[in-house]
Amino acid sequence: MNEIEKIKRYIERTKFKETNRAPYCMSCGEWLALCRFATISKESVVDAIDLAFEFGRAKGERHARREAKRA
């Protein structure tokens, strides 16, 4: 099993609600900004991917905090 298959399996095995757009998902504009960051700027694609993961982590953390306040 290659790394991509492992990543996909990890996601599949993680149980979470399916929604059309979770509050911590990235918008098309955010994706496009990351694509431009990787291609136009002096940064590398790896830097853009790292930034995307950090952004997702921050969005997920904020979402978790809001959910904790509701409980």
PDB file of N, CA and C in Angstrom:
ATOM      1  N   MET A   1       0.852  -1.181   0.000  1.00  0.00           N
ATOM      2  CA  MET A   1       0.000   0.000   0.000  1.00  0.00           C
ATOM      3  C   MET A   1       0.893   1.237   0.000  1.00  0.00           C
ATOM      4  N   ASN A   2       0.667   2.127  -0.974  1.00  0.00           N
ATOM      5  CA  ASN A   2       1.483   3.337  -1.025  1.00  0.00           C
ATOM      6  C   ASN A   2       0.931   4.395  -0.059  1.00  0.00           C
ATOM      7  N   GLU A   3       1.630   5.487   0.060  1.00  0.00           N
ATOM      8  CA  GLU A   3       1.257   6.528   1.035  1.00  0.00           C
ATOM      9  C   GLU A   3      -0.098   7.160   0.723  1.00  0.00           C
ATOM     10  N   ILE A   4      -0.407   7.364  -0.549  1.00  0.00           N
ATOM     11  CA  ILE A   4      -1.695   7.948  -0.918  1.00  0.00           C
ATOM     12  C   ILE A   4      -2.827   7.011  -0.509  1.00  0.00           C
ATOM     13  N   GLU A   5      -2.669   5.738  -0.738  1.00  0.00           N
ATOM     14  CA  GLU A   5      -3.682   4.762  -0.327  1.00  0.00           C
ATOM     15  C   GLU A   5      -3.850   4.766   1.191  1.00  0.00           C
ATOM     16  N   LYS A   6      -2.743   4.889   1.912  1.00  0.00           N
ATOM     17  CA  LYS A   6      -2.807   4.948   3.374  1.00  0.00           C
ATOM     18  C   LYS A   6      -3.568   6.187   3.835  1.00  0.00           C
ATOM     19  N   ILE A   7      -3.308   7.308   3.176  1.00  0.00           N
ATOM     20  CA  ILE A   7      -3.995   8.556   3.530  1.00  0.00           C
ATOM     21  C   ILE A   7      -5.493   8.410   3.274  1.00  0.00           C
ATOM     22  N   LYS A   8      -5.857   7.879   2.123  1.00  0.00           N
ATOM     23  CA  LYS A   8      -7.276   7.700   1.791  1.00  0.00           C
ATOM     24  C   LYS A   8      -7.945   6.744   2.769  1.00  0.00           C
ATOM     25  N   ARG A   9      -7.265   5.683   3.112  1.00  0.00           N
ATOM     26  CA  ARG A   9      -7.824   4.718   4.074  1.00  0.00           C
ATOM     27  C   ARG A   9      -8.004   5.367   5.446  1.00  0.00           C
ATOM     28  N   TYR A  10      -7.055   6.158   5.865  1.00  0.00           N
ATOM     29  CA  TYR A  10      -7.141   6.867   7.139  1.00  0.00           C
ATOM     30  C   TYR A  10      -8.383   7.757   7.166  1.00  0.00           C
ATOM     31  N   ILE A  11      -8.598   8.478   6.081  1.00  0.00           N
ATOM     32  CA  ILE A  11      -9.765   9.356   5.986  1.00  0.00           C
ATOM     33  C   ILE A  11     -11.052   8.535   6.022  1.00  0.00           C
ATOM     34  N   GLU A  12     -11.100   7.452   5.263  1.00  0.00           N
ATOM     35  CA  GLU A  12     -12.289   6.600   5.230  1.00  0.00           C
ATOM     36  C   GLU A  12     -12.604   5.999   6.591  1.00  0.00           C
ATOM     37  N   ARG A  13     -11.581   5.641   7.353  1.00  0.00           N
ATOM     38  CA  ARG A  13     -11.781   5.022   8.661  1.00  0.00           C
ATOM     39  C   ARG A  13     -12.114   6.025   9.751  1.00  0.00           C
ATOM     40  N   THR A  14     -11.932   7.298   9.474  1.00  0.00           N
ATOM     41  CA  THR A  14     -12.262   8.335  10.446  1.00  0.00           C
ATOM     42  C   THR A  14     -13.741   8.651  10.302  1.00  0.00           C
ATOM     43  N   LYS A  15     -14.478   8.446  11.370  1.00  0.00           N
ATOM     44  CA  LYS A  15     -15.924   8.661  11.327  1.00  0.00           C
ATOM     45  C   LYS A  15     -16.241  10.126  11.596  1.00  0.00           C
ATOM     46  N   PHE A  16     -16.935  10.763  10.665  1.00  0.00           N
ATOM     47  CA  PHE A  16     -17.409  12.120  10.859  1.00  0.00           C
ATOM     48  C   PHE A  16     -18.643  12.324   9.992  1.00  0.00           C
ATOM     49  N   LYS A  17     -19.437  13.296  10.375  1.00  0.00           N
ATOM     50  CA  LYS A  17     -20.668  13.587   9.649  1.00  0.00           C
ATOM     51  C   LYS A  17     -20.358  14.092   8.256  1.00  0.00           C
ATOM     52  N   GLU A  18     -21.109  13.588   7.297  1.00  0.00           N
ATOM     53  CA  GLU A  18     -21.000  14.085   5.933  1.00  0.00           C
ATOM     54  C   GLU A  18     -21.914  15.299   5.802  1.00  0.00           C
ATOM     55  N   THR A  19     -21.356  16.399   5.349  1.00  0.00           N
ATOM     56  CA  THR A  19     -22.156  17.590   5.080  1.00  0.00           C
ATOM     57  C   THR A  19     -21.735  18.146   3.734  1.00  0.00           C
ATOM     58  N   ASN A  20     -22.548  19.020   3.207  1.00  0.00           N
ATOM     59  CA  ASN A  20     -22.185  19.642   1.941  1.00  0.00           C
ATOM     60  C   ASN A  20     -20.948  20.507   2.094  1.00  0.00           C
ATOM     61  N   ARG A  21     -20.884  21.250   3.205  1.00  0.00           N
ATOM     62  CA  ARG A  21     -19.736  22.115   3.443  1.00  0.00           C
ATOM     63  C   ARG A  21     -19.594  22.320   4.940  1.00  0.00           C
ATOM     64  N   ALA A  22     -18.639  21.669   5.511  1.00  0.00           N
ATOM     65  CA  ALA A  22     -18.378  21.834   6.940  1.00  0.00           C
ATOM     66  C   ALA A  22     -17.765  23.210   7.165  1.00  0.00           C
ATOM     67  N   PRO A  23     -17.966  23.806   8.341  1.00  0.00           N
ATOM     68  CA  PRO A  23     -17.440  25.153   8.596  1.00  0.00           C
ATOM     69  C   PRO A  23     -15.918  25.240   8.565  1.00  0.00           C
ATOM     70  N   TYR A  24     -15.241  24.111   8.586  1.00  0.00           N
ATOM     71  CA  TYR A  24     -13.787  24.135   8.586  1.00  0.00           C
ATOM     72  C   TYR A  24     -13.201  23.723   7.232  1.00  0.00           C
ATOM     73  N   CYS A  25     -14.055  23.564   6.233  1.00  0.00           N
ATOM     74  CA  CYS A  25     -13.575  23.238   4.885  1.00  0.00           C
ATOM     75  C   CYS A  25     -13.042  24.489   4.213  1.00  0.00           C
ATOM     76  N   MET A  26     -12.173  24.277   3.248  1.00  0.00           N
ATOM     77  CA  MET A  26     -11.612  25.400   2.501  1.00  0.00           C
ATOM     78  C   MET A  26     -12.539  25.785   1.362  1.00  0.00           C
ATOM     79  N   SER A  27     -12.623  27.060   1.101  1.00  0.00           N
ATOM     80  CA  SER A  27     -13.421  27.554  -0.021  1.00  0.00           C
ATOM     81  C   SER A  27     -12.602  27.467  -1.310  1.00  0.00           C
ATOM     82  N   CYS A  28     -13.275  27.626  -2.429  1.00  0.00           N
ATOM     83  CA  CYS A  28     -12.579  27.627  -3.722  1.00  0.00           C
ATOM     84  C   CYS A  28     -11.553  28.755  -3.783  1.00  0.00           C
ATOM     85  N   GLY A  29     -11.917  29.918  -3.244  1.00  0.00           N
ATOM     86  CA  GLY A  29     -10.997  31.052  -3.236  1.00  0.00           C
ATOM     87  C   GLY A  29      -9.742  30.766  -2.444  1.00  0.00           C
ATOM     88  N   GLU A  30      -9.906  30.071  -1.335  1.00  0.00           N
ATOM     89  CA  GLU A  30      -8.739  29.714  -0.515  1.00  0.00           C
ATOM     90  C   GLU A  30      -7.849  28.720  -1.255  1.00  0.00           C
ATOM     91  N   TRP A  31      -8.468  27.739  -1.944  1.00  0.00           N
ATOM     92  CA  TRP A  31      -7.688  26.789  -2.733  1.00  0.00           C
ATOM     93  C   TRP A  31      -6.930  27.499  -3.847  1.00  0.00           C
ATOM     94  N   LEU A  32      -7.616  28.400  -4.525  1.00  0.00           N
ATOM     95  CA  LEU A  32      -6.963  29.128  -5.619  1.00  0.00           C
ATOM     96  C   LEU A  32      -5.806  29.985  -5.109  1.00  0.00           C
ATOM     97  N   ALA A  33      -6.003  30.604  -3.940  1.00  0.00           N
ATOM     98  CA  ALA A  33      -4.923  31.407  -3.362  1.00  0.00           C
ATOM     99  C   ALA A  33      -3.705  30.540  -3.062  1.00  0.00           C
ATOM    100  N   LEU A  34      -3.925  29.330  -2.555  1.00  0.00           N
ATOM    101  CA  LEU A  34      -2.813  28.418  -2.281  1.00  0.00           C
ATOM    102  C   LEU A  34      -2.133  27.968  -3.572  1.00  0.00           C
ATOM    103  N   CYS A  35      -2.931  27.738  -4.613  1.00  0.00           N
ATOM    104  CA  CYS A  35      -2.344  27.364  -5.908  1.00  0.00           C
ATOM    105  C   CYS A  35      -1.463  28.485  -6.440  1.00  0.00           C
ATOM    106  N   ARG A  36      -1.945  29.718  -6.357  1.00  0.00           N
ATOM    107  CA  ARG A  36      -1.138  30.862  -6.804  1.00  0.00           C
ATOM    108  C   ARG A  36       0.116  30.996  -5.947  1.00  0.00           C
ATOM    109  N   PHE A  37      -0.029  30.796  -4.637  1.00  0.00           N
ATOM    110  CA  PHE A  37       1.099  30.853  -3.714  1.00  0.00           C
ATOM    111  C   PHE A  37       2.180  29.868  -4.147  1.00  0.00           C
ATOM    112  N   ALA A  38       1.757  28.679  -4.574  1.00  0.00           N
ATOM    113  CA  ALA A  38       2.717  27.636  -4.954  1.00  0.00           C
ATOM    114  C   ALA A  38       3.346  27.880  -6.314  1.00  0.00           C
ATOM    115  N   THR A  39       2.646  28.564  -7.203  1.00  0.00           N
ATOM    116  CA  THR A  39       3.159  28.700  -8.567  1.00  0.00           C
ATOM    117  C   THR A  39       3.739  30.069  -8.884  1.00  0.00           C
ATOM    118  N   ILE A  40       3.150  31.114  -8.339  1.00  0.00           N
ATOM    119  CA  ILE A  40       3.589  32.464  -8.683  1.00  0.00           C
ATOM    120  C   ILE A  40       4.674  32.973  -7.735  1.00  0.00           C
ATOM    121  N   SER A  41       4.530  32.669  -6.469  1.00  0.00           N
ATOM    122  CA  SER A  41       5.487  33.186  -5.490  1.00  0.00           C
ATOM    123  C   SER A  41       6.788  32.389  -5.521  1.00  0.00           C
ATOM    124  N   LYS A  42       7.704  32.775  -4.708  1.00  0.00           N
ATOM    125  CA  LYS A  42       8.986  32.085  -4.630  1.00  0.00           C
ATOM    126  C   LYS A  42       8.907  30.849  -3.723  1.00  0.00           C
ATOM    127  N   GLU A  43       7.742  30.639  -3.134  1.00  0.00           N
ATOM    128  CA  GLU A  43       7.558  29.487  -2.252  1.00  0.00           C
ATOM    129  C   GLU A  43       7.382  28.215  -3.084  1.00  0.00           C
ATOM    130  N   SER A  44       7.584  27.081  -2.465  1.00  0.00           N
ATOM    131  CA  SER A  44       7.452  25.814  -3.172  1.00  0.00           C
ATOM    132  C   SER A  44       6.063  25.217  -2.968  1.00  0.00           C
ATOM    133  N   VAL A  45       5.756  24.220  -3.750  1.00  0.00           N
ATOM    134  CA  VAL A  45       4.485  23.506  -3.605  1.00  0.00           C
ATOM    135  C   VAL A  45       4.401  22.888  -2.209  1.00  0.00           C
ATOM    136  N   VAL A  46       5.504  22.403  -1.706  1.00  0.00           N
ATOM    137  CA  VAL A  46       5.529  21.815  -0.371  1.00  0.00           C
ATOM    138  C   VAL A  46       5.129  22.857   0.676  1.00  0.00           C
ATOM    139  N   ASP A  47       5.602  24.079   0.531  1.00  0.00           N
ATOM    140  CA  ASP A  47       5.223  25.150   1.456  1.00  0.00           C
ATOM    141  C   ASP A  47       3.722  25.426   1.384  1.00  0.00           C
ATOM    142  N   ALA A  48       3.158  25.387   0.175  1.00  0.00           N
ATOM    143  CA  ALA A  48       1.726  25.616   0.007  1.00  0.00           C
ATOM    144  C   ALA A  48       0.917  24.496   0.652  1.00  0.00           C
ATOM    145  N   ILE A  49       1.364  23.269   0.478  1.00  0.00           N
ATOM    146  CA  ILE A  49       0.670  22.133   1.097  1.00  0.00           C
ATOM    147  C   ILE A  49       0.756  22.228   2.615  1.00  0.00           C
ATOM    148  N   ASP A  50       1.922  22.573   3.120  1.00  0.00           N
ATOM    149  CA  ASP A  50       2.093  22.741   4.558  1.00  0.00           C
ATOM    150  C   ASP A  50       1.168  23.835   5.092  1.00  0.00           C
ATOM    151  N   LEU A  51       1.088  24.930   4.374  1.00  0.00           N
ATOM    152  CA  LEU A  51       0.214  26.022   4.773  1.00  0.00           C
ATOM    153  C   LEU A  51      -1.251  25.571   4.761  1.00  0.00           C
ATOM    154  N   ALA A  52      -1.643  24.787   3.758  1.00  0.00           N
ATOM    155  CA  ALA A  52      -3.013  24.284   3.684  1.00  0.00           C
ATOM    156  C   ALA A  52      -3.341  23.404   4.885  1.00  0.00           C
ATOM    157  N   PHE A  53      -2.414  22.541   5.278  1.00  0.00           N
ATOM    158  CA  PHE A  53      -2.646  21.684   6.436  1.00  0.00           C
ATOM    159  C   PHE A  53      -2.722  22.497   7.723  1.00  0.00           C
ATOM    160  N   GLU A  54      -1.859  23.464   7.870  1.00  0.00           N
ATOM    161  CA  GLU A  54      -1.896  24.314   9.065  1.00  0.00           C
ATOM    162  C   GLU A  54      -3.200  25.110   9.125  1.00  0.00           C
ATOM    163  N   PHE A  55      -3.654  25.594   7.978  1.00  0.00           N
ATOM    164  CA  PHE A  55      -4.912  26.321   7.901  1.00  0.00           C
ATOM    165  C   PHE A  55      -6.074  25.407   8.279  1.00  0.00           C
ATOM    166  N   GLY A  56      -6.081  24.199   7.739  1.00  0.00           N
ATOM    167  CA  GLY A  56      -7.118  23.224   8.075  1.00  0.00           C
ATOM    168  C   GLY A  56      -7.105  22.866   9.552  1.00  0.00           C
ATOM    169  N   ARG A  57      -5.932  22.733  10.089  1.00  0.00           N
ATOM    170  CA  ARG A  57      -5.812  22.429  11.522  1.00  0.00           C
ATOM    171  C   ARG A  57      -6.388  23.574  12.360  1.00  0.00           C
ATOM    172  N   ALA A  58      -6.080  24.795  11.993  1.00  0.00           N
ATOM    173  CA  ALA A  58      -6.595  25.954  12.722  1.00  0.00           C
ATOM    174  C   ALA A  58      -8.115  26.042  12.602  1.00  0.00           C
ATOM    175  N   LYS A  59      -8.632  25.790  11.403  1.00  0.00           N
ATOM    176  CA  LYS A  59     -10.082  25.825  11.215  1.00  0.00           C
ATOM    177  C   LYS A  59     -10.752  24.718  12.025  1.00  0.00           C
ATOM    178  N   GLY A  60     -10.173  23.542  12.019  1.00  0.00           N
ATOM    179  CA  GLY A  60     -10.720  22.431  12.801  1.00  0.00           C
ATOM    180  C   GLY A  60     -10.688  22.714  14.289  1.00  0.00           C
ATOM    181  N   GLU A  61      -9.620  23.313  14.770  1.00  0.00           N
ATOM    182  CA  GLU A  61      -9.486  23.660  16.182  1.00  0.00           C
ATOM    183  C   GLU A  61     -10.552  24.677  16.588  1.00  0.00           C
ATOM    184  N   ARG A  62     -10.745  25.693  15.770  1.00  0.00           N
ATOM    185  CA  ARG A  62     -11.771  26.694  16.077  1.00  0.00           C
ATOM    186  C   ARG A  62     -13.165  26.071  16.072  1.00  0.00           C
ATOM    187  N   HIS A  63     -13.399  25.178  15.131  1.00  0.00           N
ATOM    188  CA  HIS A  63     -14.694  24.495  15.078  1.00  0.00           C
ATOM    189  C   HIS A  63     -14.913  23.655  16.343  1.00  0.00           C
ATOM    190  N   ALA A  64     -13.882  22.930  16.760  1.00  0.00           N
ATOM    191  CA  ALA A  64     -13.977  22.115  17.966  1.00  0.00           C
ATOM    192  C   ALA A  64     -14.253  22.972  19.197  1.00  0.00           C
ATOM    193  N   ARG A  65     -13.629  24.124  19.268  1.00  0.00           N
ATOM    194  CA  ARG A  65     -13.860  25.026  20.404  1.00  0.00           C
ATOM    195  C   ARG A  65     -15.310  25.511  20.420  1.00  0.00           C
ATOM    196  N   ARG A  66     -15.840  25.871  19.237  1.00  0.00           N
ATOM    197  CA  ARG A  66     -17.244  26.321  19.173  1.00  0.00           C
ATOM    198  C   ARG A  66     -18.181  25.189  19.588  1.00  0.00           C
ATOM    199  N   GLU A  67     -17.902  23.982  19.148  1.00  0.00           N
ATOM    200  CA  GLU A  67     -18.733  22.847  19.517  1.00  0.00           C
ATOM    201  C   GLU A  67     -18.669  22.585  21.019  1.00  0.00           C
ATOM    202  N   ALA A  68     -17.493  22.735  21.603  1.00  0.00           N
ATOM    203  CA  ALA A  68     -17.334  22.524  23.053  1.00  0.00           C
ATOM    204  C   ALA A  68     -18.143  23.547  23.840  1.00  0.00           C
ATOM    205  N   LYS A  69     -18.211  24.778  23.351  1.00  0.00           N
ATOM    206  CA  LYS A  69     -18.994  25.807  24.029  1.00  0.00           C
ATOM    207  C   LYS A  69     -20.483  25.497  23.972  1.00  0.00           C
ATOM    208  N   ARG A  70     -20.933  24.871  22.909  1.00  0.00           N
ATOM    209  CA  ARG A  70     -22.349  24.512  22.771  1.00  0.00           C
ATOM    210  C   ARG A  70     -22.752  23.412  23.741  1.00  0.00           C
ATOM    211  N   ALA A  71     -21.825  22.540  24.047  1.00  0.00           N
ATOM    212  CA  ALA A  71     -22.131  21.375  24.908  1.00  0.00           C
ATOM    213  C   ALA A  71     -22.313  21.732  26.359  1.00  0.00           C
TER     214      ALA A  71
END
